[in-house]
Amino acid sequence: MSEPVDIIRILDLLPHRYPFILVDRVLEYTAFDYLIATKNVTINEPFFNGHFPGNPIMPGVLMLEALAQASALLSNLSRSPKEGHEFMYFFAGIDNAKFKHVVTPGDQLRLEVRLIGQKRDFWRMHGEAFVGDKLACSADLMSAAKEIKSDR
């Protein structure tokens, strides 16, 4: 098990930025195994302006994106690129997506991803997002990794 990963380190590991960074903190992870992270959902999220006025609900596709970002974090925390390079992870596929519970302002989304398999630069993970003990959504996610020159 590992130490928590704060937002500063997350921003170093992911290319996403506001308003599209959907992971606030990694609570724990084991390389090449699993990762647990959180997304604090607030009324200030830009998507609530239109989804839906008077009845704000986090779009399901953004819950899936949060799981995809958690998957990329697990992948990035599991291996190191060559000197002067970094890994970029591309969302390559999704299977068995299910939505079970709405997510609203004030909720904390707990993101849990587990590595199912890795072959060369393709990673397959199973992800589940919870609000408290209620399953909000789940899916099998696939990503493709590409090692690129770092501009940092």
C-alpha atoms as a PDB file:
ATOM      1  CA  MET A   1       0.000   0.000   0.000  1.00  0.00           C
ATOM      2  CA  SER A   2       1.121   3.560  -0.609  1.00  0.00           C
ATOM      3  CA  GLU A   3       0.958   7.068   0.741  1.00  0.00           C
ATOM      4  CA  PRO A   4      -1.906   9.326  -0.451  1.00  0.00           C
ATOM      5  CA  VAL A   5      -1.310  11.323  -3.631  1.00  0.00           C
ATOM      6  CA  ASP A   6      -2.414  14.973  -3.489  1.00  0.00           C
ATOM      7  CA  ILE A   7      -3.736  17.174  -6.287  1.00  0.00           C
ATOM      8  CA  ILE A   8      -0.291  18.681  -6.994  1.00  0.00           C
ATOM      9  CA  ARG A   9       1.106  15.228  -7.809  1.00  0.00           C
ATOM     10  CA  ILE A  10      -2.081  14.283  -9.712  1.00  0.00           C
ATOM     11  CA  LEU A  11      -1.608  17.346 -11.937  1.00  0.00           C
ATOM     12  CA  ASP A  12       1.943  16.155 -12.552  1.00  0.00           C
ATOM     13  CA  LEU A  13       0.697  12.686 -13.583  1.00  0.00           C
ATOM     14  CA  LEU A  14      -2.327  13.651 -15.727  1.00  0.00           C
ATOM     15  CA  PRO A  15      -2.582  16.100 -18.648  1.00  0.00           C
ATOM     16  CA  HIS A  16      -6.112  17.186 -17.619  1.00  0.00           C
ATOM     17  CA  ARG A  17      -6.756  20.610 -16.154  1.00  0.00           C
ATOM     18  CA  TYR A  18      -9.769  22.577 -14.907  1.00  0.00           C
ATOM     19  CA  PRO A  19     -12.560  22.101 -15.683  1.00  0.00           C
ATOM     20  CA  PHE A  20     -11.776  18.555 -16.753  1.00  0.00           C
ATOM     21  CA  ILE A  21      -9.646  17.191 -13.910  1.00  0.00           C
ATOM     22  CA  LEU A  22     -12.016  14.787 -12.167  1.00  0.00           C
ATOM     23  CA  VAL A  23      -9.790  13.256  -9.470  1.00  0.00           C
ATOM     24  CA  ASP A  24      -8.971  15.280  -6.350  1.00  0.00           C
ATOM     25  CA  ARG A  25      -6.935  12.817  -4.294  1.00  0.00           C
ATOM     26  CA  VAL A  26      -5.589   9.284  -4.390  1.00  0.00           C
ATOM     27  CA  LEU A  27      -6.220   7.652  -1.019  1.00  0.00           C
ATOM     28  CA  GLU A  28      -4.229   4.488  -1.657  1.00  0.00           C
ATOM     29  CA  TYR A  29      -2.879   2.284  -4.403  1.00  0.00           C
ATOM     30  CA  THR A  30      -0.717  -0.721  -5.052  1.00  0.00           C
ATOM     31  CA  ALA A  31       1.226  -0.613  -8.321  1.00  0.00           C
ATOM     32  CA  PHE A  32      -0.103  -2.975 -10.997  1.00  0.00           C
ATOM     33  CA  ASP A  33      -3.078  -3.865  -8.758  1.00  0.00           C
ATOM     34  CA  TYR A  34      -5.605  -1.249  -7.572  1.00  0.00           C
ATOM     35  CA  LEU A  35      -6.179   2.430  -6.791  1.00  0.00           C
ATOM     36  CA  ILE A  36      -8.761   4.250  -4.651  1.00  0.00           C
ATOM     37  CA  ALA A  37      -9.313   7.976  -5.248  1.00  0.00           C
ATOM     38  CA  THR A  38     -11.906  10.661  -4.574  1.00  0.00           C
ATOM     39  CA  LYS A  39     -13.702  13.380  -6.496  1.00  0.00           C
ATOM     40  CA  ASN A  40     -15.448  16.000  -4.364  1.00  0.00           C
ATOM     41  CA  VAL A  41     -18.529  17.071  -6.292  1.00  0.00           C
ATOM     42  CA  THR A  42     -19.560  20.689  -5.658  1.00  0.00           C
ATOM     43  CA  ILE A  43     -22.283  22.955  -7.010  1.00  0.00           C
ATOM     44  CA  ASN A  44     -19.455  24.947  -8.645  1.00  0.00           C
ATOM     45  CA  GLU A  45     -18.856  22.211 -11.246  1.00  0.00           C
ATOM     46  CA  PRO A  46     -19.436  23.852 -14.654  1.00  0.00           C
ATOM     47  CA  PHE A  47     -21.573  20.968 -15.935  1.00  0.00           C
ATOM     48  CA  PHE A  48     -24.279  21.662 -13.333  1.00  0.00           C
ATOM     49  CA  ASN A  49     -25.241  24.867 -15.196  1.00  0.00           C
ATOM     50  CA  GLY A  50     -26.940  22.768 -17.843  1.00  0.00           C
ATOM     51  CA  HIS A  51     -27.330  19.288 -16.280  1.00  0.00           C
ATOM     52  CA  PHE A  52     -29.928  20.049 -15.016  1.00  0.00           C
ATOM     53  CA  PRO A  53     -30.991  23.548 -13.875  1.00  0.00           C
ATOM     54  CA  GLY A  54     -32.936  23.181 -10.636  1.00  0.00           C
ATOM     55  CA  ASN A  55     -32.021  19.473 -10.371  1.00  0.00           C
ATOM     56  CA  PRO A  56     -28.223  19.191 -10.666  1.00  0.00           C
ATOM     57  CA  ILE A  57     -26.997  15.677 -11.497  1.00  0.00           C
ATOM     58  CA  MET A  58     -23.450  14.710 -12.474  1.00  0.00           C
ATOM     59  CA  PRO A  59     -23.509  13.353 -16.046  1.00  0.00           C
ATOM     60  CA  GLY A  60     -22.841   9.621 -16.211  1.00  0.00           C
ATOM     61  CA  VAL A  61     -20.229  10.085 -18.902  1.00  0.00           C
ATOM     62  CA  LEU A  62     -18.227  12.272 -16.488  1.00  0.00           C
ATOM     63  CA  MET A  63     -18.377   9.565 -13.817  1.00  0.00           C
ATOM     64  CA  LEU A  64     -16.865   7.239 -16.431  1.00  0.00           C
ATOM     65  CA  GLU A  65     -14.241   9.873 -17.281  1.00  0.00           C
ATOM     66  CA  ALA A  66     -13.349  10.118 -13.576  1.00  0.00           C
ATOM     67  CA  LEU A  67     -12.829   6.335 -13.548  1.00  0.00           C
ATOM     68  CA  ALA A  68     -10.723   6.611 -16.720  1.00  0.00           C
ATOM     69  CA  GLN A  69      -8.554   9.280 -15.059  1.00  0.00           C
ATOM     70  CA  ALA A  70      -8.166   7.061 -11.980  1.00  0.00           C
ATOM     71  CA  SER A  71      -7.109   4.246 -14.323  1.00  0.00           C
ATOM     72  CA  ALA A  72      -4.499   6.491 -15.950  1.00  0.00           C
ATOM     73  CA  LEU A  73      -3.202   7.403 -12.494  1.00  0.00           C
ATOM     74  CA  LEU A  74      -2.795   3.734 -11.556  1.00  0.00           C
ATOM     75  CA  SER A  75      -0.972   3.095 -14.823  1.00  0.00           C
ATOM     76  CA  ASN A  76       1.309   6.120 -14.346  1.00  0.00           C
ATOM     77  CA  LEU A  77       2.041   5.224 -10.722  1.00  0.00           C
ATOM     78  CA  SER A  78       2.892   1.649 -11.750  1.00  0.00           C
ATOM     79  CA  ARG A  79       5.772   2.335 -14.130  1.00  0.00           C
ATOM     80  CA  SER A  80       8.369   4.950 -14.983  1.00  0.00           C
ATOM     81  CA  PRO A  81       9.037   6.428 -18.433  1.00  0.00           C
ATOM     82  CA  LYS A  82      12.474   6.889 -19.955  1.00  0.00           C
ATOM     83  CA  GLU A  83      14.437   9.979 -18.929  1.00  0.00           C
ATOM     84  CA  GLY A  84      12.830  13.115 -20.424  1.00  0.00           C
ATOM     85  CA  HIS A  85       9.624  11.283 -21.348  1.00  0.00           C
ATOM     86  CA  GLU A  86       6.184  10.714 -19.878  1.00  0.00           C
ATOM     87  CA  PHE A  87       3.285   8.385 -20.566  1.00  0.00           C
ATOM     88  CA  MET A  88       0.075   9.648 -22.124  1.00  0.00           C
ATOM     89  CA  TYR A  89      -2.943   7.358 -21.721  1.00  0.00           C
ATOM     90  CA  PHE A  90      -5.733   7.380 -24.277  1.00  0.00           C
ATOM     91  CA  PHE A  91      -9.204   6.079 -23.472  1.00  0.00           C
ATOM     92  CA  ALA A  92      -9.469   3.173 -25.937  1.00  0.00           C
ATOM     93  CA  GLY A  93     -12.660   1.372 -25.003  1.00  0.00           C
ATOM     94  CA  ILE A  94     -15.415   0.729 -22.527  1.00  0.00           C
ATOM     95  CA  ASP A  95     -17.580  -2.304 -21.853  1.00  0.00           C
ATOM     96  CA  ASN A  96     -20.361  -3.142 -19.426  1.00  0.00           C
ATOM     97  CA  ALA A  97     -21.029   0.441 -18.288  1.00  0.00           C
ATOM     98  CA  LYS A  98     -23.847   0.561 -15.742  1.00  0.00           C
ATOM     99  CA  PHE A  99     -25.337   3.501 -13.864  1.00  0.00           C
ATOM    100  CA  LYS A 100     -26.986   2.740 -10.524  1.00  0.00           C
ATOM    101  CA  HIS A 101     -27.169   5.931  -8.442  1.00  0.00           C
ATOM    102  CA  VAL A 102     -27.270   9.668  -9.158  1.00  0.00           C
ATOM    103  CA  VAL A 103     -24.431  11.917  -8.007  1.00  0.00           C
ATOM    104  CA  THR A 104     -25.360  15.416  -6.836  1.00  0.00           C
ATOM    105  CA  PRO A 105     -23.570  18.465  -5.380  1.00  0.00           C
ATOM    106  CA  GLY A 106     -22.107  17.716  -1.962  1.00  0.00           C
ATOM    107  CA  ASP A 107     -21.392  14.070  -2.754  1.00  0.00           C
ATOM    108  CA  GLN A 108     -17.930  12.595  -2.576  1.00  0.00           C
ATOM    109  CA  LEU A 109     -17.374  10.127  -5.390  1.00  0.00           C
ATOM    110  CA  ARG A 110     -15.051   7.287  -4.369  1.00  0.00           C
ATOM    111  CA  LEU A 111     -13.300   5.891  -7.425  1.00  0.00           C
ATOM    112  CA  GLU A 112     -11.993   2.333  -7.258  1.00  0.00           C
ATOM    113  CA  VAL A 113     -10.088   0.801 -10.166  1.00  0.00           C
ATOM    114  CA  ARG A 114      -8.451  -2.600 -10.400  1.00  0.00           C
ATOM    115  CA  LEU A 115      -6.066  -3.836 -13.073  1.00  0.00           C
ATOM    116  CA  ILE A 116      -7.535  -6.775 -14.973  1.00  0.00           C
ATOM    117  CA  GLY A 117      -4.715  -7.156 -17.469  1.00  0.00           C
ATOM    118  CA  GLN A 118      -1.944  -5.459 -19.380  1.00  0.00           C
ATOM    119  CA  LYS A 119      -0.488  -6.415 -22.736  1.00  0.00           C
ATOM    120  CA  ARG A 120       2.262  -4.206 -24.162  1.00  0.00           C
ATOM    121  CA  ASP A 121       0.810  -0.691 -24.082  1.00  0.00           C
ATOM    122  CA  PHE A 122      -2.835  -1.683 -23.526  1.00  0.00           C
ATOM    123  CA  TRP A 123      -4.303  -1.669 -20.031  1.00  0.00           C
ATOM    124  CA  ARG A 124      -7.665  -3.162 -19.046  1.00  0.00           C
ATOM    125  CA  MET A 125      -9.231  -2.188 -15.735  1.00  0.00           C
ATOM    126  CA  HIS A 126     -12.505  -2.597 -13.904  1.00  0.00           C
ATOM    127  CA  GLY A 127     -13.787   0.567 -12.245  1.00  0.00           C
ATOM    128  CA  GLU A 128     -16.510   1.304  -9.734  1.00  0.00           C
ATOM    129  CA  ALA A 129     -17.636   4.696  -8.418  1.00  0.00           C
ATOM    130  CA  PHE A 130     -19.421   4.934  -5.072  1.00  0.00           C
ATOM    131  CA  VAL A 131     -21.232   7.582  -3.054  1.00  0.00           C
ATOM    132  CA  GLY A 132     -20.918   6.305   0.494  1.00  0.00           C
ATOM    133  CA  ASP A 133     -21.695   2.598   0.216  1.00  0.00           C
ATOM    134  CA  LYS A 134     -23.950   3.031  -2.849  1.00  0.00           C
ATOM    135  CA  LEU A 135     -22.590   1.988  -6.233  1.00  0.00           C
ATOM    136  CA  ALA A 136     -23.084   4.922  -8.622  1.00  0.00           C
ATOM    137  CA  CYS A 137     -21.563   3.352 -11.741  1.00  0.00           C
ATOM    138  CA  SER A 138     -19.237   0.625 -12.932  1.00  0.00           C
ATOM    139  CA  ALA A 139     -17.462  -0.251 -16.168  1.00  0.00           C
ATOM    140  CA  ASP A 140     -14.606  -2.143 -17.740  1.00  0.00           C
ATOM    141  CA  LEU A 141     -12.152   0.383 -19.196  1.00  0.00           C
ATOM    142  CA  MET A 142      -9.362   0.010 -21.717  1.00  0.00           C
ATOM    143  CA  SER A 143      -6.573   2.512 -22.321  1.00  0.00           C
ATOM    144  CA  ALA A 144      -3.613   2.703 -24.651  1.00  0.00           C
ATOM    145  CA  ALA A 145      -0.315   4.153 -23.462  1.00  0.00           C
ATOM    146  CA  LYS A 146       2.077   6.181 -25.549  1.00  0.00           C
ATOM    147  CA  GLU A 147       5.455   7.341 -24.309  1.00  0.00           C
ATOM    148  CA  ILE A 148       6.066  10.935 -25.397  1.00  0.00           C
ATOM    149  CA  LYS A 149       8.769  13.543 -24.819  1.00  0.00           C
ATOM    150  CA  SER A 150       8.016  15.564 -21.728  1.00  0.00           C
ATOM    151  CA  ASP A 151       7.740  19.333 -21.996  1.00  0.00           C
ATOM    152  CA  ARG A 152       8.154  19.770 -18.239  1.00  0.00           C
END
